[in-house]
Amino acid sequence: MTAWEDYLTKNQDRFIAELIEFTAIPSVSAKPENIADVRAAADWVAARLTAAGAEHAQVYPTAGHPVVCADWLHAGPDAPTILIYGHFDVQPAEPFDLWTSPPFQPEIRDGKLWGRGASDDKGGMLIPILTFESFLKTEGKLPVNVRFFFEGQEEIGSPDLLPFVAAHADLLQADMIFSADGLQWAPGQPQIVEALKGLVSLEITVQGPRGDQHSGMVGGGIANPALALAHILAGLRNEQGLITVEGFYDDVIPLDADSRAALARVPYPDDQLLAETGAPAPWGEPGYSTQERIFARPTLDINGLTSGWQGAGTKTVLPALASAKITCRLVSAQSPEKIFEAIRAHVEKHCPPGVTATVTRNPGRADPFQVPAGHNASSAAAEVLTELYGIAPLRTRVGGSIPVMTTLLDTLGVHAVMFGFSHGDENLHAPNEFFRLDEFRRGQTAYGKLFERLAK
């Protein structure tokens, strides 16, 4: 065992206590009442980086939530410089009554740390900081130059990251980028994520009368916005699952044979999907496997519906308004702007008579992201994972989005590699989120081996 590995082992109790302290900060970026908590998390991260031995650790303001940058650049000009990314903001924890223990009072049970943000992404982003510390405390140096870049707005789409990265590119310049926000396929099976989907978020609002009406007095005489909205929504996809918005698929790059073969090797049979979700049957775009639909084909989903009376019992109202929240997950080389405009045009064309419909785009964006074949940082990460797990990583894609990936690519010209140690079953974005502490430890070793391999 190397000195840095021994240091990690001896200090695990302290590291877990620090993760508990970090997770207890309710840094919910979506809620205005938690603005100070997001800043407190940023301050915590900057202080922890300084304690680990990083230099120039600083909290930087943006138009919204802050970011934290730090570095250590003493490995020499011949050593590569790597940028490590992560985020310290978390999703809202509601509904609180579905949590076994309070979301911001972290608890250890069954070898797991339970709490909001433990897995996404506080455990993940703390891992490389601890490994970085282990090298400096035992060897006084690292084999690579390191920059850190952690943000407080990923969970709301990183709306202020593009201008920050553009204005501070000198703080982020690197030969390779690794994202500590990421997943392994399963505790015994690693993966290399080769693509992330983009995201566009919008809301359709249908207006009828100027106020709610008595359905017995005017029903049948004027249009019902809820029914009109249902008509519009039903027309976005056909019964087989094909998205019917004109132009939606125009820029989709077809899956080649190699990509389809790689996805076919991902062990995610339909019965597992149904067991995990409780859905009665698989469903989606015809002509594609479940893996291809989830990981590599675009989607259009209704996330929320609002209209009329929502309380108990009956209220015989004809509602004045009806609205739906919609997100589309996009693949290379789809444009969020073009997809929004296509949906807006579709709604305008198919709006029923007697109502008006508007389509509003929500803040934030994420472009699709795909790592090219043979990418050097991906190859290095795959070699480390193979050594650590004793099995080659799966080549996968992820249906989720990390907006900063394309921001960094566009500004710095570097593809990032996801190198995180969470898992999809850890209730990310849901009640009872948890992080496996054995993976917390394994990730620390992985980053150490990555540092060493990149220096060869």
Protein backbone atom coordinates (compact mmCIF):
# COMPACT_ATOMS: atom_id res chain seq x y z
CA MET A 1 0.00 0.00 0.00
CA THR A 2 1.33 3.44 -0.94
CA ALA A 3 1.68 6.21 1.61
CA TRP A 4 -1.22 8.13 0.15
CA GLU A 5 -3.48 5.06 0.25
CA ASP A 6 -2.51 4.41 3.87
CA TYR A 7 -3.36 8.04 4.68
CA LEU A 8 -6.80 7.62 3.16
CA THR A 9 -7.46 4.45 5.16
CA LYS A 10 -6.35 5.97 8.45
CA ASN A 11 -8.46 9.10 7.99
CA GLN A 12 -11.75 7.58 6.82
CA ASP A 13 -13.60 8.31 10.07
CA ARG A 14 -12.66 12.00 9.78
CA PHE A 15 -13.59 12.10 6.12
CA ILE A 16 -17.01 10.58 6.78
CA ALA A 17 -17.61 13.08 9.58
CA GLU A 18 -16.75 15.88 7.14
CA LEU A 19 -19.15 14.47 4.55
CA ILE A 20 -21.89 14.43 7.18
CA GLU A 21 -21.15 18.07 8.03
CA PHE A 22 -21.17 19.02 4.34
CA THR A 23 -24.40 17.15 3.60
CA ALA A 24 -26.16 18.85 6.52
CA ILE A 25 -25.96 22.23 4.73
CA PRO A 26 -29.34 22.68 2.97
CA SER A 27 -27.83 24.15 -0.21
CA VAL A 28 -30.99 23.94 -2.34
CA SER A 29 -30.33 26.15 -5.34
CA ALA A 30 -33.94 26.14 -6.58
CA LYS A 31 -35.41 27.81 -3.49
CA PRO A 32 -34.88 31.54 -2.77
CA GLU A 33 -35.00 30.91 0.97
CA ASN A 34 -31.84 28.80 0.68
CA ILE A 35 -29.63 31.38 -1.05
CA ALA A 36 -27.56 31.86 2.12
CA ASP A 37 -27.20 28.10 2.52
CA VAL A 38 -25.79 27.73 -0.99
CA ARG A 39 -23.25 30.43 -0.12
CA ALA A 40 -22.47 28.62 3.15
CA ALA A 41 -21.76 25.45 1.17
CA ALA A 42 -19.45 27.43 -1.13
CA ASP A 43 -17.57 28.79 1.88
CA TRP A 44 -17.30 25.26 3.29
CA VAL A 45 -15.83 23.97 0.03
CA ALA A 46 -13.30 26.81 -0.23
CA ALA A 47 -12.18 26.25 3.36
CA ARG A 48 -11.89 22.50 2.80
CA LEU A 49 -9.79 22.99 -0.33
CA THR A 50 -7.45 25.29 1.57
CA ALA A 51 -7.16 22.77 4.42
CA ALA A 52 -6.30 20.08 1.87
CA GLY A 53 -3.41 22.18 0.56
CA ALA A 54 -4.94 23.80 -2.50
CA GLU A 55 -3.93 27.33 -3.37
CA HIS A 56 -5.97 30.37 -4.38
CA ALA A 57 -9.22 28.83 -3.11
CA GLN A 58 -11.85 31.49 -3.60
CA VAL A 59 -15.61 31.88 -3.78
CA TYR A 60 -16.59 33.76 -6.93
CA PRO A 61 -19.95 35.49 -7.30
CA THR A 62 -22.10 35.14 -10.40
CA ALA A 63 -25.44 36.67 -11.31
CA GLY A 64 -26.91 33.78 -9.29
CA HIS A 65 -25.31 31.23 -7.01
CA PRO A 66 -21.52 31.27 -6.54
CA VAL A 67 -18.73 29.03 -7.78
CA VAL A 68 -15.48 27.97 -6.10
CA CYS A 69 -12.10 27.70 -7.83
CA ALA A 70 -8.70 26.60 -6.52
CA ASP A 71 -5.50 25.11 -7.89
CA TRP A 72 -2.13 23.46 -7.25
CA LEU A 73 0.24 23.90 -10.18
CA HIS A 74 3.66 22.72 -8.97
CA ALA A 75 4.04 19.38 -10.76
CA GLY A 76 6.07 21.05 -13.48
CA PRO A 77 5.47 22.17 -17.06
CA ASP A 78 5.83 18.64 -18.46
CA ALA A 79 3.08 17.25 -16.23
CA PRO A 80 -0.51 17.46 -17.46
CA THR A 81 -2.97 19.87 -15.87
CA ILE A 82 -6.33 18.39 -14.98
CA LEU A 83 -9.50 20.24 -14.05
CA ILE A 84 -11.86 18.56 -11.58
CA TYR A 85 -15.51 19.64 -11.67
CA GLY A 86 -18.40 19.06 -9.27
CA HIS A 87 -21.37 20.84 -7.70
CA PHE A 88 -22.36 21.60 -4.11
CA ASP A 89 -25.98 22.57 -4.65
CA VAL A 90 -28.72 19.99 -4.16
CA GLN A 91 -32.28 19.27 -5.21
CA PRO A 92 -35.25 20.26 -3.02
CA ALA A 93 -35.95 17.52 -0.47
CA GLU A 94 -39.76 17.66 -0.45
CA PRO A 95 -41.90 15.75 0.35
CA PHE A 96 -40.26 15.57 3.76
CA ASP A 97 -42.70 13.00 5.13
CA LEU A 98 -41.33 10.36 2.73
CA TRP A 99 -37.88 10.47 4.30
CA THR A 100 -36.98 7.85 6.91
CA SER A 101 -34.65 10.39 8.53
CA PRO A 102 -34.61 14.19 8.01
CA PRO A 103 -32.87 15.05 4.71
CA PHE A 104 -30.49 17.56 6.26
CA GLN A 105 -29.75 15.55 9.39
CA PRO A 106 -27.57 12.89 7.72
CA GLU A 107 -27.53 9.40 9.22
CA ILE A 108 -25.37 6.33 8.64
CA ARG A 109 -27.34 3.12 8.23
CA ASP A 110 -26.31 -0.16 6.61
CA GLY A 111 -22.97 1.21 5.44
CA LYS A 112 -24.64 4.13 3.65
CA LEU A 113 -24.92 7.84 4.38
CA TRP A 114 -28.53 8.99 4.03
CA GLY A 115 -29.24 12.65 3.30
CA ARG A 116 -30.08 15.08 0.50
CA GLY A 117 -27.03 15.60 -1.68
CA ALA A 118 -24.99 12.77 -0.15
CA SER A 119 -24.77 11.08 -3.55
CA ASP A 120 -25.55 14.00 -5.88
CA ASP A 121 -22.99 15.46 -5.64
CA LYS A 122 -21.45 16.21 -2.25
CA GLY A 123 -19.99 12.75 -1.71
CA GLY A 124 -18.71 12.68 -5.27
CA MET A 125 -17.05 16.11 -5.24
CA LEU A 126 -15.47 15.60 -1.82
CA ILE A 127 -13.68 12.44 -3.03
CA PRO A 128 -11.00 14.12 -5.21
CA ILE A 129 -10.35 16.76 -2.55
CA LEU A 130 -9.54 14.02 -0.03
CA THR A 131 -7.27 12.20 -2.48
CA PHE A 132 -5.54 15.47 -3.33
CA GLU A 133 -4.93 16.02 0.40
CA SER A 134 -3.53 12.51 0.82
CA PHE A 135 -0.77 13.14 -1.73
CA LEU A 136 0.25 16.50 -0.27
CA LYS A 137 0.22 15.23 3.33
CA THR A 138 2.32 12.15 2.54
CA GLU A 139 4.49 13.03 -0.46
CA GLY A 140 4.39 16.82 -0.41
CA LYS A 141 3.45 16.94 -4.06
CA LEU A 142 1.21 15.54 -6.78
CA PRO A 143 2.24 13.91 -10.05
CA VAL A 144 -0.09 16.24 -11.98
CA ASN A 145 -1.14 19.86 -11.85
CA VAL A 146 -4.67 20.22 -10.53
CA ARG A 147 -7.40 22.84 -10.84
CA PHE A 148 -10.74 22.62 -9.02
CA PHE A 149 -14.02 24.08 -10.28
CA PHE A 150 -17.15 23.57 -8.17
CA GLU A 151 -20.50 25.28 -8.77
CA GLY A 152 -23.64 26.02 -6.80
CA GLN A 153 -26.28 26.01 -9.55
CA GLU A 154 -26.08 22.72 -11.44
CA GLU A 155 -29.46 21.55 -10.15
CA ILE A 156 -31.17 24.54 -11.76
CA GLY A 157 -29.40 24.17 -15.11
CA SER A 158 -26.25 26.27 -14.46
CA PRO A 159 -27.85 29.45 -15.89
CA ASP A 160 -24.92 31.72 -14.97
CA LEU A 161 -22.02 29.39 -15.76
CA LEU A 162 -21.47 30.37 -19.41
CA PRO A 163 -20.54 34.01 -18.71
CA PHE A 164 -18.43 32.98 -15.71
CA VAL A 165 -16.44 30.39 -17.66
CA ALA A 166 -15.97 32.81 -20.55
CA ALA A 167 -14.70 35.54 -18.22
CA HIS A 168 -12.47 33.25 -16.12
CA ALA A 169 -11.12 30.80 -18.69
CA ASP A 170 -7.60 31.45 -17.35
CA LEU A 171 -8.60 29.85 -14.03
CA LEU A 172 -9.87 26.72 -15.78
CA GLN A 173 -7.33 25.99 -18.52
CA ALA A 174 -6.46 22.29 -18.49
CA ASP A 175 -5.32 19.42 -20.66
CA MET A 176 -8.05 17.13 -19.35
CA ILE A 177 -11.29 17.57 -17.42
CA PHE A 178 -12.84 15.04 -15.03
CA SER A 179 -16.32 15.41 -13.58
CA ALA A 180 -16.81 14.14 -10.05
CA ASP A 181 -20.54 14.36 -10.78
CA GLY A 182 -21.12 10.97 -12.31
CA LEU A 183 -22.13 7.35 -11.90
CA GLN A 184 -20.76 3.84 -12.02
CA TRP A 185 -23.11 1.23 -13.45
CA ALA A 186 -23.30 -0.93 -10.30
CA PRO A 187 -21.16 -1.50 -7.17
CA GLY A 188 -19.22 -4.25 -8.96
CA GLN A 189 -19.46 -2.92 -12.52
CA PRO A 190 -17.79 0.31 -13.69
CA GLN A 191 -18.76 2.33 -16.74
CA ILE A 192 -17.42 5.02 -19.03
CA VAL A 193 -20.20 7.42 -19.96
CA GLU A 194 -19.69 8.48 -23.55
CA ALA A 195 -22.62 10.86 -23.94
CA LEU A 196 -25.07 13.00 -21.98
CA LYS A 197 -28.37 14.30 -23.24
CA GLY A 198 -29.15 17.97 -23.62
CA LEU A 199 -32.21 19.57 -22.09
CA VAL A 200 -34.85 22.14 -22.95
CA SER A 201 -37.58 23.03 -20.45
CA LEU A 202 -40.83 24.81 -21.30
CA GLU A 203 -44.40 25.43 -20.21
CA ILE A 204 -47.60 25.43 -22.28
CA THR A 205 -50.39 27.65 -20.96
CA VAL A 206 -53.91 27.54 -22.39
CA GLN A 207 -56.25 30.46 -21.62
CA GLY A 208 -60.04 30.31 -21.94
CA PRO A 209 -62.45 32.64 -20.13
CA ARG A 210 -61.08 35.48 -17.99
CA GLY A 211 -61.94 33.58 -14.80
CA ASP A 212 -63.18 30.16 -13.65
CA GLN A 213 -66.81 29.56 -14.65
CA HIS A 214 -69.76 27.56 -13.34
CA SER A 215 -69.83 24.47 -15.59
CA GLY A 216 -73.60 24.21 -15.33
CA MET A 217 -74.10 27.79 -16.46
CA VAL A 218 -71.68 27.98 -19.41
CA GLY A 219 -70.48 24.42 -19.96
CA GLY A 220 -70.99 23.40 -23.58
CA GLY A 221 -71.09 27.02 -24.66
CA ILE A 222 -67.42 27.90 -24.39
CA ALA A 223 -64.20 25.87 -24.74
CA ASN A 224 -62.67 24.15 -21.73
CA PRO A 225 -58.93 24.99 -21.47
CA ALA A 226 -58.17 21.70 -19.70
CA LEU A 227 -59.66 19.70 -22.56
CA ALA A 228 -57.90 21.91 -25.08
CA LEU A 229 -54.58 21.35 -23.34
CA ALA A 230 -55.21 17.60 -23.27
CA HIS A 231 -55.80 17.72 -27.03
CA ILE A 232 -52.52 19.58 -27.58
CA LEU A 233 -50.52 17.25 -25.33
CA ALA A 234 -51.98 14.12 -26.89
CA GLY A 235 -50.78 15.37 -30.25
CA LEU A 236 -47.13 15.64 -29.21
CA ARG A 237 -46.57 11.86 -29.45
CA ASN A 238 -48.50 9.11 -31.15
CA GLU A 239 -49.69 5.92 -29.46
CA GLN A 240 -46.55 4.05 -30.49
CA GLY A 241 -44.26 6.60 -28.81
CA LEU A 242 -43.03 8.54 -31.84
CA ILE A 243 -42.73 12.29 -31.23
CA THR A 244 -44.91 13.99 -33.84
CA VAL A 245 -43.58 17.56 -33.59
CA GLU A 246 -42.53 18.56 -37.09
CA GLY A 247 -38.73 18.78 -37.35
CA PHE A 248 -38.06 17.22 -33.95
CA TYR A 249 -35.80 14.48 -35.32
CA ASP A 250 -34.18 16.48 -38.13
CA ASP A 251 -30.76 16.89 -36.50
CA VAL A 252 -30.56 13.56 -34.67
CA ILE A 253 -27.41 11.64 -35.66
CA PRO A 254 -28.39 8.00 -36.27
CA LEU A 255 -26.82 5.38 -34.02
CA ASP A 256 -24.07 3.49 -35.82
CA ALA A 257 -23.59 -0.25 -35.51
CA ASP A 258 -20.74 0.06 -32.99
CA SER A 259 -22.79 2.31 -30.70
CA ARG A 260 -25.81 0.01 -30.87
CA ALA A 261 -23.61 -2.99 -30.09
CA ALA A 262 -22.08 -1.21 -27.08
CA LEU A 263 -25.52 -0.32 -25.73
CA ALA A 264 -26.75 -3.87 -26.31
CA ARG A 265 -24.03 -5.06 -23.93
CA VAL A 266 -25.38 -2.87 -21.12
CA PRO A 267 -27.14 -5.27 -18.72
CA TYR A 268 -30.49 -3.52 -18.39
CA PRO A 269 -33.23 -5.95 -19.46
CA ASP A 270 -36.84 -4.83 -19.61
CA ASP A 271 -37.83 -6.89 -16.58
CA GLN A 272 -35.27 -5.04 -14.48
CA LEU A 273 -36.62 -1.67 -15.62
CA LEU A 274 -40.18 -2.74 -14.77
CA ALA A 275 -39.13 -4.12 -11.38
CA GLU A 276 -37.31 -0.88 -10.51
CA THR A 277 -40.08 1.45 -11.64
CA GLY A 278 -43.25 -0.56 -11.04
CA ALA A 279 -44.42 0.27 -14.59
CA PRO A 280 -46.63 -2.42 -16.18
CA ALA A 281 -44.81 -2.54 -19.53
CA PRO A 282 -41.96 -0.89 -21.46
CA TRP A 283 -42.96 1.84 -23.93
CA GLY A 284 -41.20 4.26 -26.22
CA GLU A 285 -40.05 5.17 -29.69
CA PRO A 286 -40.58 2.23 -32.05
CA GLY A 287 -37.58 0.56 -33.65
CA TYR A 288 -35.24 0.91 -30.68
CA SER A 289 -34.33 -1.15 -27.65
CA THR A 290 -35.05 0.09 -24.14
CA GLN A 291 -31.37 0.90 -23.64
CA GLU A 292 -31.28 2.91 -26.85
CA ARG A 293 -34.46 4.81 -25.98
CA ILE A 294 -33.23 5.76 -22.51
CA PHE A 295 -29.59 6.47 -23.26
CA ALA A 296 -29.34 7.53 -26.89
CA ARG A 297 -32.68 8.74 -28.32
CA PRO A 298 -34.41 12.08 -27.69
CA THR A 299 -37.45 12.30 -25.44
CA LEU A 300 -40.42 14.53 -24.76
CA ASP A 301 -42.00 14.23 -21.32
CA ILE A 302 -44.83 15.94 -19.47
CA ASN A 303 -43.55 16.73 -15.98
CA GLY A 304 -46.58 18.44 -14.48
CA LEU A 305 -50.21 19.40 -15.17
CA THR A 306 -52.25 22.17 -13.54
CA SER A 307 -55.87 23.15 -14.08
CA GLY A 308 -59.08 23.69 -12.18
CA TRP A 309 -59.99 22.35 -8.76
CA GLN A 310 -57.25 20.28 -7.07
CA GLY A 311 -58.77 19.82 -3.62
CA ALA A 312 -60.87 17.01 -2.20
CA GLY A 313 -64.32 16.33 -3.53
CA THR A 314 -66.03 18.01 -6.47
CA LYS A 315 -66.12 21.61 -7.58
CA THR A 316 -68.13 21.99 -10.78
CA VAL A 317 -65.84 24.53 -12.37
CA LEU A 318 -64.90 25.19 -15.95
CA PRO A 319 -61.31 26.40 -15.46
CA ALA A 320 -59.96 29.58 -16.97
CA LEU A 321 -56.43 28.24 -17.35
CA ALA A 322 -54.61 25.00 -17.91
CA SER A 323 -50.85 24.50 -18.06
CA ALA A 324 -48.29 21.77 -18.53
CA LYS A 325 -44.58 21.62 -17.78
CA ILE A 326 -42.55 19.80 -20.41
CA THR A 327 -38.91 18.80 -20.79
CA CYS A 328 -37.13 17.30 -23.77
CA ARG A 329 -33.90 15.33 -23.43
CA LEU A 330 -31.85 15.88 -26.56
CA VAL A 331 -29.05 14.01 -28.32
CA SER A 332 -26.27 15.08 -30.69
CA ALA A 333 -26.63 17.32 -32.60
CA GLN A 334 -30.01 18.69 -31.54
CA SER A 335 -30.30 22.34 -30.55
CA PRO A 336 -32.41 23.36 -27.53
CA GLU A 337 -33.41 26.54 -29.38
CA LYS A 338 -34.58 24.69 -32.51
CA ILE A 339 -36.55 22.16 -30.47
CA PHE A 340 -38.26 24.90 -28.47
CA GLU A 341 -39.25 26.69 -31.66
CA ALA A 342 -40.52 23.45 -33.19
CA ILE A 343 -42.76 22.78 -30.19
CA ARG A 344 -43.97 26.39 -30.11
CA ALA A 345 -44.93 26.16 -33.79
CA HIS A 346 -46.64 22.80 -33.24
CA VAL A 347 -48.74 24.18 -30.37
CA GLU A 348 -49.70 27.25 -32.40
CA LYS A 349 -50.74 25.05 -35.33
CA HIS A 350 -52.74 22.58 -33.26
CA CYS A 351 -54.37 24.89 -30.70
CA PRO A 352 -58.14 24.16 -30.70
CA PRO A 353 -60.64 26.97 -31.34
CA GLY A 354 -62.07 28.91 -28.40
CA VAL A 355 -58.79 29.20 -26.43
CA THR A 356 -55.35 30.75 -26.81
CA ALA A 357 -52.10 28.93 -26.13
CA THR A 358 -48.66 30.29 -25.26
CA VAL A 359 -45.37 28.43 -24.94
CA THR A 360 -42.77 29.82 -22.56
CA ARG A 361 -39.21 28.59 -22.25
CA ASN A 362 -37.81 28.12 -18.75
CA PRO A 363 -34.36 29.49 -17.82
CA GLY A 364 -31.26 27.35 -18.24
CA ARG A 365 -30.11 25.13 -21.07
CA ALA A 366 -27.99 22.07 -21.68
CA ASP A 367 -26.64 21.05 -25.05
CA PRO A 368 -26.08 17.38 -25.85
CA PHE A 369 -22.57 16.18 -25.05
CA GLN A 370 -20.65 13.30 -26.58
CA VAL A 371 -17.03 12.25 -26.09
CA PRO A 372 -15.23 11.25 -29.31
CA ALA A 373 -14.05 7.67 -29.75
CA GLY A 374 -10.50 7.05 -28.55
CA HIS A 375 -10.51 10.09 -26.26
CA ASN A 376 -7.27 10.11 -24.20
CA ALA A 377 -8.75 11.02 -20.82
CA SER A 378 -11.52 8.44 -21.27
CA SER A 379 -8.93 5.78 -22.06
CA ALA A 380 -6.95 6.62 -18.92
CA ALA A 381 -10.09 6.54 -16.79
CA ALA A 382 -11.10 3.19 -18.29
CA GLU A 383 -7.68 1.71 -17.46
CA VAL A 384 -7.96 2.85 -13.83
CA LEU A 385 -11.48 1.46 -13.49
CA THR A 386 -10.43 -1.87 -14.99
CA GLU A 387 -7.57 -2.15 -12.48
CA LEU A 388 -9.74 -1.14 -9.55
CA TYR A 389 -12.81 -3.28 -10.30
CA GLY A 390 -11.08 -6.18 -12.02
CA ILE A 391 -13.50 -5.89 -14.94
CA ALA A 392 -13.63 -3.64 -17.99
CA PRO A 393 -16.08 -0.73 -17.81
CA LEU A 394 -19.24 -0.74 -19.87
CA ARG A 395 -19.49 1.88 -22.61
CA THR A 396 -22.72 3.68 -21.78
CA ARG A 397 -24.63 6.89 -22.23
CA VAL A 398 -26.76 8.76 -19.70
CA GLY A 399 -30.23 10.17 -20.18
CA GLY A 400 -29.52 13.04 -17.79
CA SER A 401 -27.78 16.36 -18.41
CA ILE A 402 -24.81 18.24 -16.96
CA PRO A 403 -24.96 21.67 -18.64
CA VAL A 404 -21.40 22.70 -17.79
CA MET A 405 -19.94 19.89 -19.93
CA THR A 406 -20.78 21.66 -23.18
CA THR A 407 -19.92 25.05 -21.66
CA LEU A 408 -16.40 23.83 -20.86
CA LEU A 409 -16.05 22.20 -24.26
CA ASP A 410 -17.15 25.32 -26.12
CA THR A 411 -14.92 27.63 -24.08
CA LEU A 412 -11.84 25.52 -23.32
CA GLY A 413 -11.97 23.05 -26.21
CA VAL A 414 -11.70 20.05 -23.87
CA HIS A 415 -14.12 17.11 -23.53
CA ALA A 416 -14.81 16.22 -19.91
CA VAL A 417 -14.90 12.64 -18.63
CA MET A 418 -17.39 11.59 -15.97
CA PHE A 419 -15.42 10.01 -13.11
CA GLY A 420 -17.90 9.75 -10.25
CA PHE A 421 -18.85 6.93 -7.90
CA SER A 422 -22.55 7.30 -7.25
CA HIS A 423 -25.10 4.79 -8.54
CA GLY A 424 -28.48 5.19 -10.16
CA ASP A 425 -30.33 3.40 -7.35
CA GLU A 426 -29.24 5.90 -4.68
CA ASN A 427 -32.48 7.91 -4.92
CA LEU A 428 -30.91 10.93 -6.59
CA HIS A 429 -33.53 13.73 -6.69
CA ALA A 430 -35.91 11.59 -4.60
CA PRO A 431 -36.65 11.01 -0.90
CA ASN A 432 -34.18 8.84 1.03
CA GLU A 433 -31.12 9.70 -1.05
CA PHE A 434 -28.02 7.84 0.09
CA PHE A 435 -24.36 7.27 -0.77
CA ARG A 436 -22.51 3.99 -0.32
CA LEU A 437 -19.56 4.56 2.00
CA ASP A 438 -17.54 1.73 0.46
CA GLU A 439 -17.84 3.53 -2.90
CA PHE A 440 -16.87 6.77 -1.18
CA ARG A 441 -13.65 5.00 -0.17
CA ARG A 442 -13.15 3.28 -3.52
CA GLY A 443 -13.48 6.59 -5.34
CA GLN A 444 -10.64 8.05 -3.31
CA THR A 445 -8.31 5.26 -4.44
CA ALA A 446 -9.52 5.67 -8.01
CA TYR A 447 -8.56 9.33 -8.12
CA GLY A 448 -5.13 8.53 -6.68
CA LYS A 449 -4.50 5.91 -9.34
CA LEU A 450 -5.78 8.34 -11.97
CA PHE A 451 -3.30 11.01 -10.83
CA GLU A 452 -0.46 8.52 -11.09
CA ARG A 453 -1.51 7.13 -14.46
CA LEU A 454 -1.87 10.56 -16.06
CA ALA A 455 1.70 11.43 -15.08
CA LYS A 456 3.18 8.44 -17.00
